[in-house]
């Protein structure tokens, strides 16, 4: 939720998408191993991808 709020207030796309993904993916993915890997990737993405749109 924090990534979503930060991305919305700062008008940054990557944290916004990461926040939405982190909120929605636990309802979609059933396998815990895959869920953890995807969520760690989404949590790291705003630090690695610096796109100012």
N, C-alpha and C. Protein backbone atom coordinates (compact mmCIF):
# COMPACT_ATOMS: atom_id res chain seq x y z
N UNK A 1 0.82 -1.19 0.00
CA UNK A 1 0.00 0.00 0.00
C UNK A 1 0.87 1.25 0.00
N UNK A 2 2.01 1.18 0.66
CA UNK A 2 2.90 2.34 0.74
C UNK A 2 3.49 2.68 -0.63
N UNK A 3 3.86 1.65 -1.40
CA UNK A 3 4.37 1.91 -2.75
C UNK A 3 3.29 2.57 -3.61
N UNK A 4 2.07 2.12 -3.48
CA UNK A 4 0.98 2.69 -4.26
C UNK A 4 0.77 4.16 -3.91
N UNK A 5 0.73 4.47 -2.62
CA UNK A 5 0.52 5.86 -2.19
C UNK A 5 1.68 6.75 -2.60
N UNK A 6 2.91 6.25 -2.48
CA UNK A 6 4.08 7.02 -2.88
C UNK A 6 4.06 7.29 -4.38
N UNK A 7 3.78 6.25 -5.17
CA UNK A 7 3.74 6.42 -6.62
C UNK A 7 2.65 7.36 -7.06
N UNK A 8 1.53 7.34 -6.37
CA UNK A 8 0.42 8.23 -6.71
C UNK A 8 0.75 9.68 -6.37
N UNK A 9 1.31 9.91 -5.20
CA UNK A 9 1.63 11.29 -4.78
C UNK A 9 2.78 11.88 -5.58
N UNK A 10 3.79 11.07 -5.87
CA UNK A 10 4.96 11.56 -6.59
C UNK A 10 4.81 11.43 -8.11
N UNK A 11 3.71 10.87 -8.55
CA UNK A 11 3.42 10.64 -9.97
C UNK A 11 4.53 9.84 -10.65
N UNK A 12 4.91 8.74 -10.00
CA UNK A 12 5.92 7.83 -10.54
C UNK A 12 5.24 6.51 -10.86
N UNK A 13 5.51 6.00 -12.05
CA UNK A 13 4.79 4.84 -12.57
C UNK A 13 5.25 3.53 -11.92
N UNK A 14 6.55 3.35 -11.77
CA UNK A 14 7.06 2.06 -11.28
C UNK A 14 6.60 1.75 -9.86
N UNK A 15 6.70 2.68 -8.89
CA UNK A 15 6.17 2.37 -7.56
C UNK A 15 4.66 2.17 -7.55
N UNK A 16 3.96 2.88 -8.40
CA UNK A 16 2.51 2.74 -8.49
C UNK A 16 2.13 1.33 -8.95
N UNK A 17 2.77 0.87 -10.00
CA UNK A 17 2.49 -0.47 -10.52
C UNK A 17 2.94 -1.54 -9.53
N UNK A 18 4.08 -1.31 -8.88
CA UNK A 18 4.55 -2.27 -7.87
C UNK A 18 3.57 -2.37 -6.71
N UNK A 19 3.05 -1.24 -6.28
CA UNK A 19 2.08 -1.25 -5.18
C UNK A 19 0.80 -1.98 -5.53
N UNK A 20 0.31 -1.74 -6.73
CA UNK A 20 -0.90 -2.44 -7.17
C UNK A 20 -0.62 -3.94 -7.28
N UNK A 21 0.52 -4.28 -7.84
CA UNK A 21 0.88 -5.69 -7.98
C UNK A 21 1.01 -6.39 -6.64
N UNK A 22 1.64 -5.73 -5.67
CA UNK A 22 1.81 -6.33 -4.35
C UNK A 22 0.48 -6.48 -3.63
N UNK A 23 -0.49 -5.65 -3.94
CA UNK A 23 -1.82 -5.77 -3.31
C UNK A 23 -2.68 -6.84 -3.98
N UNK A 24 -2.51 -7.04 -5.28
CA UNK A 24 -3.40 -7.93 -6.04
C UNK A 24 -2.85 -9.36 -6.16
N UNK A 25 -1.55 -9.51 -6.28
CA UNK A 25 -0.97 -10.83 -6.56
C UNK A 25 -1.27 -11.91 -5.53
N UNK A 26 -1.34 -11.63 -4.24
CA UNK A 26 -1.68 -12.72 -3.31
C UNK A 26 -3.04 -13.35 -3.56
N UNK A 27 -3.93 -12.64 -4.20
CA UNK A 27 -5.25 -13.20 -4.52
C UNK A 27 -5.20 -14.05 -5.79
N UNK A 28 -4.18 -13.84 -6.62
CA UNK A 28 -4.11 -14.49 -7.92
C UNK A 28 -3.20 -15.72 -7.90
N UNK A 29 -2.07 -15.64 -7.21
CA UNK A 29 -1.07 -16.71 -7.23
C UNK A 29 -1.27 -17.61 -6.00
N UNK A 30 -1.38 -18.91 -6.23
CA UNK A 30 -1.60 -19.87 -5.15
C UNK A 30 -0.31 -20.48 -4.61
N UNK A 31 0.69 -20.62 -5.46
CA UNK A 31 1.95 -21.25 -5.07
C UNK A 31 2.79 -20.26 -4.24
N UNK A 32 3.13 -20.65 -3.02
CA UNK A 32 3.85 -19.74 -2.12
C UNK A 32 5.24 -19.39 -2.62
N UNK A 33 5.95 -20.34 -3.22
CA UNK A 33 7.30 -20.08 -3.70
C UNK A 33 7.28 -19.05 -4.83
N UNK A 34 6.38 -19.21 -5.76
CA UNK A 34 6.26 -18.27 -6.86
C UNK A 34 5.81 -16.91 -6.35
N UNK A 35 4.88 -16.89 -5.42
CA UNK A 35 4.39 -15.64 -4.85
C UNK A 35 5.51 -14.86 -4.17
N UNK A 36 6.33 -15.53 -3.39
CA UNK A 36 7.44 -14.86 -2.71
C UNK A 36 8.44 -14.31 -3.72
N UNK A 37 8.78 -15.08 -4.74
CA UNK A 37 9.74 -14.61 -5.76
C UNK A 37 9.22 -13.40 -6.51
N UNK A 38 7.96 -13.42 -6.90
CA UNK A 38 7.38 -12.30 -7.65
C UNK A 38 7.27 -11.07 -6.76
N UNK A 39 6.86 -11.25 -5.51
CA UNK A 39 6.71 -10.11 -4.61
C UNK A 39 8.05 -9.48 -4.25
N UNK A 40 9.08 -10.28 -4.09
CA UNK A 40 10.42 -9.72 -3.84
C UNK A 40 10.88 -8.93 -5.05
N UNK A 41 10.62 -9.45 -6.24
CA UNK A 41 10.96 -8.72 -7.46
C UNK A 41 10.22 -7.40 -7.57
N UNK A 42 8.95 -7.40 -7.22
CA UNK A 42 8.17 -6.15 -7.25
C UNK A 42 8.62 -5.17 -6.18
N UNK A 43 9.05 -5.67 -5.04
CA UNK A 43 9.50 -4.79 -3.98
C UNK A 43 10.84 -4.13 -4.31
N UNK A 44 11.67 -4.82 -5.07
CA UNK A 44 12.98 -4.30 -5.46
C UNK A 44 12.89 -3.42 -6.71
N UNK A 45 11.90 -3.62 -7.53
CA UNK A 45 11.79 -2.93 -8.82
C UNK A 45 11.88 -1.40 -8.74
N UNK A 46 11.24 -0.72 -7.80
CA UNK A 46 11.36 0.75 -7.76
C UNK A 46 12.79 1.24 -7.51
N UNK A 47 13.61 0.43 -6.86
CA UNK A 47 14.99 0.82 -6.62
C UNK A 47 15.88 0.58 -7.83
N UNK A 48 15.53 -0.43 -8.62
CA UNK A 48 16.35 -0.80 -9.78
C UNK A 48 15.94 -0.01 -11.03
N UNK A 49 14.65 0.14 -11.24
CA UNK A 49 14.13 0.82 -12.42
C UNK A 49 13.83 2.27 -12.05
N UNK A 50 14.57 3.18 -12.63
CA UNK A 50 14.36 4.60 -12.35
C UNK A 50 13.84 5.28 -13.61
N UNK A 51 12.53 5.24 -13.80
CA UNK A 51 11.90 5.86 -14.95
C UNK A 51 11.07 7.04 -14.45
N UNK A 52 11.34 8.20 -14.98
CA UNK A 52 10.56 9.38 -14.62
C UNK A 52 9.64 9.73 -15.78
N UNK A 53 8.40 9.28 -15.68
CA UNK A 53 7.41 9.57 -16.72
C UNK A 53 6.44 10.61 -16.23
